[in-house]
Every structure is written in structure tokens, then in C-alpha cells.
PDB file of N, CA and C in Angstrom:
ATOM      1  N   MET A   1    -167.530  55.120 -23.657  1.00  0.00           N
ATOM      2  CA  MET A   1    -166.627  55.068 -24.761  1.00  0.00           C
ATOM      3  C   MET A   1    -165.293  55.687 -24.363  1.00  0.00           C
ATOM      4  N   SER A   2    -164.225  55.045 -24.678  1.00  0.00           N
ATOM      5  CA  SER A   2    -162.890  55.532 -24.298  1.00  0.00           C
ATOM      6  C   SER A   2    -162.520  56.755 -25.162  1.00  0.00           C
ATOM      7  N   GLU A   3    -161.538  57.493 -24.701  1.00  0.00           N
ATOM      8  CA  GLU A   3    -161.063  58.656 -25.486  1.00  0.00           C
ATOM      9  C   GLU A   3    -160.540  58.223 -26.842  1.00  0.00           C
ATOM     10  N   LYS A   4    -159.864  57.097 -26.874  1.00  0.00           N
ATOM     11  CA  LYS A   4    -159.355  56.579 -28.130  1.00  0.00           C
ATOM     12  C   LYS A   4    -160.492  56.276 -29.093  1.00  0.00           C
ATOM     13  N   GLU A   5    -161.544  55.657 -28.593  1.00  0.00           N
ATOM     14  CA  GLU A   5    -162.715  55.356 -29.419  1.00  0.00           C
ATOM     15  C   GLU A   5    -163.386  56.608 -29.906  1.00  0.00           C
ATOM     16  N   GLN A   6    -163.439  57.631 -29.074  1.00  0.00           N
ATOM     17  CA  GLN A   6    -164.027  58.906 -29.469  1.00  0.00           C
ATOM     18  C   GLN A   6    -163.253  59.536 -30.593  1.00  0.00           C
ATOM     19  N   VAL A   7    -161.911  59.507 -30.533  1.00  0.00           N
ATOM     20  CA  VAL A   7    -161.077  60.076 -31.568  1.00  0.00           C
ATOM     21  C   VAL A   7    -161.239  59.303 -32.871  1.00  0.00           C
ATOM     22  N   ILE A   8    -161.276  57.987 -32.763  1.00  0.00           N
ATOM     23  CA  ILE A   8    -161.470  57.135 -33.973  1.00  0.00           C
ATOM     24  C   ILE A   8    -162.822  57.455 -34.608  1.00  0.00           C
ATOM     25  N   GLU A   9    -163.837  57.613 -33.805  1.00  0.00           N
ATOM     26  CA  GLU A   9    -165.182  57.914 -34.324  1.00  0.00           C
ATOM     27  C   GLU A   9    -165.180  59.297 -34.983  1.00  0.00           C
ATOM     28  N   MET A  10    -164.519  60.269 -34.354  1.00  0.00           N
ATOM     29  CA  MET A  10    -164.434  61.610 -34.916  1.00  0.00           C
ATOM     30  C   MET A  10    -163.751  61.595 -36.265  1.00  0.00           C
ATOM     31  N   ILE A  11    -162.637  60.895 -36.344  1.00  0.00           N
ATOM     32  CA  ILE A  11    -161.873  60.824 -37.602  1.00  0.00           C
ATOM     33  C   ILE A  11    -162.671  60.090 -38.677  1.00  0.00           C
ATOM     34  N   SER A  12    -163.344  59.038 -38.282  1.00  0.00           N
ATOM     35  CA  SER A  12    -164.148  58.276 -39.240  1.00  0.00           C
ATOM     36  C   SER A  12    -165.261  59.110 -39.859  1.00  0.00           C
ATOM     37  N   ALA A  13    -165.785  60.088 -39.086  1.00  0.00           N
ATOM     38  CA  ALA A  13    -166.849  60.952 -39.601  1.00  0.00           C
ATOM     39  C   ALA A  13    -166.336  62.053 -40.531  1.00  0.00           C
ATOM     40  N   MET A  14    -165.035  62.211 -40.600  1.00  0.00           N
ATOM     41  CA  MET A  14    -164.443  63.251 -41.442  1.00  0.00           C
ATOM     42  C   MET A  14    -164.261  62.744 -42.874  1.00  0.00           C
ATOM     43  N   SER A  15    -164.107  63.691 -43.757  1.00  0.00           N
ATOM     44  CA  SER A  15    -163.852  63.372 -45.182  1.00  0.00           C
ATOM     45  C   SER A  15    -162.589  62.545 -45.326  1.00  0.00           C
ATOM     46  N   ASP A  16    -162.571  61.680 -46.350  1.00  0.00           N
ATOM     47  CA  ASP A  16    -161.374  60.891 -46.608  1.00  0.00           C
ATOM     48  C   ASP A  16    -160.194  61.752 -47.039  1.00  0.00           C
ATOM     49  N   LYS A  17    -160.477  62.975 -47.450  1.00  0.00           N
ATOM     50  CA  LYS A  17    -159.409  63.862 -47.920  1.00  0.00           C
ATOM     51  C   LYS A  17    -158.922  64.817 -46.817  1.00  0.00           C
ATOM     52  N   VAL A  18    -159.305  64.575 -45.576  1.00  0.00           N
ATOM     53  CA  VAL A  18    -158.921  65.436 -44.452  1.00  0.00           C
ATOM     54  C   VAL A  18    -157.418  65.346 -44.233  1.00  0.00           C
ATOM     55  N   SER A  19    -156.838  66.501 -43.882  1.00  0.00           N
ATOM     56  CA  SER A  19    -155.399  66.508 -43.620  1.00  0.00           C
ATOM     57  C   SER A  19    -155.098  66.219 -42.160  1.00  0.00           C
ATOM     58  N   ILE A  20    -153.872  65.874 -41.871  1.00  0.00           N
ATOM     59  CA  ILE A  20    -153.469  65.639 -40.485  1.00  0.00           C
ATOM     60  C   ILE A  20    -153.611  66.914 -39.685  1.00  0.00           C
ATOM     61  N   ASP A  21    -153.312  68.032 -40.297  1.00  0.00           N
ATOM     62  CA  ASP A  21    -153.477  69.338 -39.636  1.00  0.00           C
ATOM     63  C   ASP A  21    -154.931  69.563 -39.221  1.00  0.00           C
ATOM     64  N   ASP A  22    -155.869  69.219 -40.101  1.00  0.00           N
ATOM     65  CA  ASP A  22    -157.300  69.357 -39.793  1.00  0.00           C
ATOM     66  C   ASP A  22    -157.696  68.453 -38.649  1.00  0.00           C
ATOM     67  N   ILE A  23    -157.169  67.243 -38.628  1.00  0.00           N
ATOM     68  CA  ILE A  23    -157.483  66.314 -37.581  1.00  0.00           C
ATOM     69  C   ILE A  23    -156.958  66.832 -36.249  1.00  0.00           C
ATOM     70  N   LEU A  24    -155.716  67.283 -36.242  1.00  0.00           N
ATOM     71  CA  LEU A  24    -155.126  67.820 -34.996  1.00  0.00           C
ATOM     72  C   LEU A  24    -155.890  69.067 -34.525  1.00  0.00           C
ATOM     73  N   GLU A  25    -156.269  69.935 -35.474  1.00  0.00           N
ATOM     74  CA  GLU A  25    -157.023  71.142 -35.127  1.00  0.00           C
ATOM     75  C   GLU A  25    -158.351  70.773 -34.451  1.00  0.00           C
ATOM     76  N   GLU A  26    -159.035  69.736 -34.972  1.00  0.00           N
ATOM     77  CA  GLU A  26    -160.324  69.324 -34.403  1.00  0.00           C
ATOM     78  C   GLU A  26    -160.109  68.706 -33.009  1.00  0.00           C
ATOM     79  N   ILE A  27    -159.057  67.939 -32.845  1.00  0.00           N
ATOM     80  CA  ILE A  27    -158.764  67.344 -31.530  1.00  0.00           C
ATOM     81  C   ILE A  27    -158.485  68.442 -30.511  1.00  0.00           C
ATOM     82  N   LEU A  28    -157.654  69.433 -30.868  1.00  0.00           N
ATOM     83  CA  LEU A  28    -157.327  70.496 -29.970  1.00  0.00           C
ATOM     84  C   LEU A  28    -158.556  71.354 -29.633  1.00  0.00           C
ATOM     85  N   PHE A  29    -159.376  71.573 -30.630  1.00  0.00           N
ATOM     86  CA  PHE A  29    -160.628  72.330 -30.403  1.00  0.00           C
ATOM     87  C   PHE A  29    -161.499  71.606 -29.383  1.00  0.00           C
ATOM     88  N   ARG A  30    -161.674  70.312 -29.576  1.00  0.00           N
ATOM     89  CA  ARG A  30    -162.507  69.552 -28.647  1.00  0.00           C
ATOM     90  C   ARG A  30    -161.907  69.521 -27.238  1.00  0.00           C
ATOM     91  N   LEU A  31    -160.586  69.434 -27.131  1.00  0.00           N
ATOM     92  CA  LEU A  31    -159.946  69.478 -25.837  1.00  0.00           C
ATOM     93  C   LEU A  31    -160.207  70.823 -25.148  1.00  0.00           C
ATOM     94  N   ASP A  32    -160.119  71.919 -25.908  1.00  0.00           N
ATOM     95  CA  ASP A  32    -160.366  73.254 -25.351  1.00  0.00           C
ATOM     96  C   ASP A  32    -161.788  73.396 -24.847  1.00  0.00           C
ATOM     97  N   VAL A  33    -162.743  72.872 -25.656  1.00  0.00           N
ATOM     98  CA  VAL A  33    -164.140  72.942 -25.267  1.00  0.00           C
ATOM     99  C   VAL A  33    -164.357  72.119 -24.006  1.00  0.00           C
ATOM    100  N   GLU A  34    -163.809  70.921 -23.960  1.00  0.00           N
ATOM    101  CA  GLU A  34    -163.949  70.064 -22.771  1.00  0.00           C
ATOM    102  C   GLU A  34    -163.361  70.727 -21.520  1.00  0.00           C
ATOM    103  N   LYS A  35    -162.187  71.352 -21.677  1.00  0.00           N
ATOM    104  CA  LYS A  35    -161.577  72.053 -20.534  1.00  0.00           C
ATOM    105  C   LYS A  35    -162.455  73.223 -20.090  1.00  0.00           C
ATOM    106  N   GLY A  36    -163.012  73.935 -21.032  1.00  0.00           N
ATOM    107  CA  GLY A  36    -163.907  75.064 -20.711  1.00  0.00           C
ATOM    108  C   GLY A  36    -165.135  74.591 -19.953  1.00  0.00           C
ATOM    109  N   LEU A  37    -165.721  73.476 -20.398  1.00  0.00           N
ATOM    110  CA  LEU A  37    -166.898  72.950 -19.706  1.00  0.00           C
ATOM    111  C   LEU A  37    -166.560  72.480 -18.312  1.00  0.00           C
ATOM    112  N   GLN A  38    -165.398  71.881 -18.148  1.00  0.00           N
ATOM    113  CA  GLN A  38    -164.953  71.461 -16.805  1.00  0.00           C
ATOM    114  C   GLN A  38    -164.750  72.653 -15.899  1.00  0.00           C
ATOM    115  N   ASP A  39    -164.154  73.720 -16.455  1.00  0.00           N
ATOM    116  CA  ASP A  39    -163.973  74.954 -15.687  1.00  0.00           C
ATOM    117  C   ASP A  39    -165.313  75.523 -15.224  1.00  0.00           C
ATOM    118  N   LEU A  40    -166.267  75.529 -16.124  1.00  0.00           N
ATOM    119  CA  LEU A  40    -167.608  76.026 -15.740  1.00  0.00           C
ATOM    120  C   LEU A  40    -168.223  75.172 -14.662  1.00  0.00           C
ATOM    121  N   ASP A  41    -168.111  73.856 -14.810  1.00  0.00           N
ATOM    122  CA  ASP A  41    -168.697  72.934 -13.826  1.00  0.00           C
ATOM    123  C   ASP A  41    -168.077  73.106 -12.453  1.00  0.00           C
ATOM    124  N   SER A  42    -166.790  73.467 -12.422  1.00  0.00           N
ATOM    125  CA  SER A  42    -166.133  73.620 -11.128  1.00  0.00           C
ATOM    126  C   SER A  42    -166.115  75.061 -10.612  1.00  0.00           C
ATOM    127  N   GLY A  43    -166.895  75.906 -11.300  1.00  0.00           N
ATOM    128  CA  GLY A  43    -167.055  77.301 -10.822  1.00  0.00           C
ATOM    129  C   GLY A  43    -165.934  78.244 -11.198  1.00  0.00           C
ATOM    130  N   HIS A  44    -165.064  77.816 -12.090  1.00  0.00           N
ATOM    131  CA  HIS A  44    -163.964  78.681 -12.530  1.00  0.00           C
ATOM    132  C   HIS A  44    -164.364  79.468 -13.765  1.00  0.00           C
ATOM    133  N   SER A  45    -165.197  80.451 -13.536  1.00  0.00           N
ATOM    134  CA  SER A  45    -165.633  81.304 -14.626  1.00  0.00           C
ATOM    135  C   SER A  45    -165.842  82.729 -14.096  1.00  0.00           C
ATOM    136  N   VAL A  46    -166.023  83.652 -15.015  1.00  0.00           N
ATOM    137  CA  VAL A  46    -166.265  85.040 -14.631  1.00  0.00           C
ATOM    138  C   VAL A  46    -167.555  85.480 -15.313  1.00  0.00           C
ATOM    139  N   SER A  47    -168.184  86.472 -14.777  1.00  0.00           N
ATOM    140  CA  SER A  47    -169.428  86.989 -15.328  1.00  0.00           C
ATOM    141  C   SER A  47    -169.118  87.739 -16.636  1.00  0.00           C
ATOM    142  N   HIS A  48    -170.137  87.937 -17.408  1.00  0.00           N
ATOM    143  CA  HIS A  48    -170.028  88.672 -18.667  1.00  0.00           C
ATOM    144  C   HIS A  48    -169.481  90.076 -18.408  1.00  0.00           C
ATOM    145  N   GLU A  49    -169.926  90.720 -17.359  1.00  0.00           N
ATOM    146  CA  GLU A  49    -169.502  92.066 -17.025  1.00  0.00           C
ATOM    147  C   GLU A  49    -167.993  92.106 -16.685  1.00  0.00           C
ATOM    148  N   VAL A  50    -167.539  91.150 -15.916  1.00  0.00           N
ATOM    149  CA  VAL A  50    -166.117  91.102 -15.556  1.00  0.00           C
ATOM    150  C   VAL A  50    -165.264  90.839 -16.843  1.00  0.00           C
ATOM    151  N   ALA A  51    -165.724  89.945 -17.669  1.00  0.00           N
ATOM    152  CA  ALA A  51    -165.013  89.673 -18.931  1.00  0.00           C
ATOM    153  C   ALA A  51    -164.951  90.892 -19.793  1.00  0.00           C
ATOM    154  N   ARG A  52    -166.037  91.643 -19.866  1.00  0.00           N
ATOM    155  CA  ARG A  52    -166.074  92.871 -20.681  1.00  0.00           C
ATOM    156  C   ARG A  52    -165.064  93.893 -20.148  1.00  0.00           C
ATOM    157  N   LYS A  53    -165.012  94.062 -18.826  1.00  0.00           N
ATOM    158  CA  LYS A  53    -164.086  95.031 -18.242  1.00  0.00           C
ATOM    159  C   LYS A  53    -162.640  94.617 -18.507  1.00  0.00           C
ATOM    160  N   ARG A  54    -162.359  93.328 -18.397  1.00  0.00           N
ATOM    161  CA  ARG A  54    -160.975  92.854 -18.677  1.00  0.00           C
ATOM    162  C   ARG A  54    -160.635  93.092 -20.155  1.00  0.00           C
ATOM    163  N   PHE A  55    -161.562  92.835 -21.032  1.00  0.00           N
ATOM    164  CA  PHE A  55    -161.321  93.011 -22.438  1.00  0.00           C
ATOM    165  C   PHE A  55    -161.100  94.496 -22.785  1.00  0.00           C
ATOM    166  N   GLU A  56    -161.880  95.343 -22.177  1.00  0.00           N
ATOM    167  CA  GLU A  56    -161.759  96.793 -22.450  1.00  0.00           C
ATOM    168  C   GLU A  56    -160.364  97.298 -22.048  1.00  0.00           C
ATOM    169  N   LYS A  57    -159.746  96.702 -21.021  1.00  0.00           N
ATOM    170  CA  LYS A  57    -158.400  97.120 -20.609  1.00  0.00           C
ATOM    171  C   LYS A  57    -157.381  96.785 -21.688  1.00  0.00           C
ATOM    172  N   CYS A  58    -157.649  95.772 -22.483  1.00  0.00           N
ATOM    173  CA  CYS A  58    -156.728  95.352 -23.561  1.00  0.00           C
ATOM    174  C   CYS A  58    -156.791  96.285 -24.757  1.00  0.00           C
ATOM    175  N   LEU A  59    -157.880  96.989 -24.883  1.00  0.00           N
ATOM    176  CA  LEU A  59    -158.021  97.889 -26.027  1.00  0.00           C
ATOM    177  C   LEU A  59    -157.430  99.197 -25.688  1.00  0.00           C
TER     178      LEU A  59
END
């Protein structure tokens, strides 16, 4: 299924009262998830412990 077909299917499954903002938010969310999955597949991730240490530095 093409990306265009996936977007059409996603929008078709949404309520008829959905706003353009909601549609865009869902598209961006799905893009972020897809990018994250690709990063994981290509080994671009950090362990939970490393993430925790980085987060603690921000606090």
C-alpha cells in the first residue's frame, strides 16, 4: 500500500467531525513512530540506563 493510500485509509477511519489539526497531528505522530522504529532497526538507540543518566542531567 502506498503512503498516500495509508493516509487516505487513516483519515477514512477518523470521525467525520475531525479537524485538520487533528489529522496533521496524527500524521506527524505516525511519522515520528516510523522514524523511531527505523532508528531502532538500524541500531541508533541507547540503553535505558544511558537515557536515564541523560535525563537526570536535565533536572
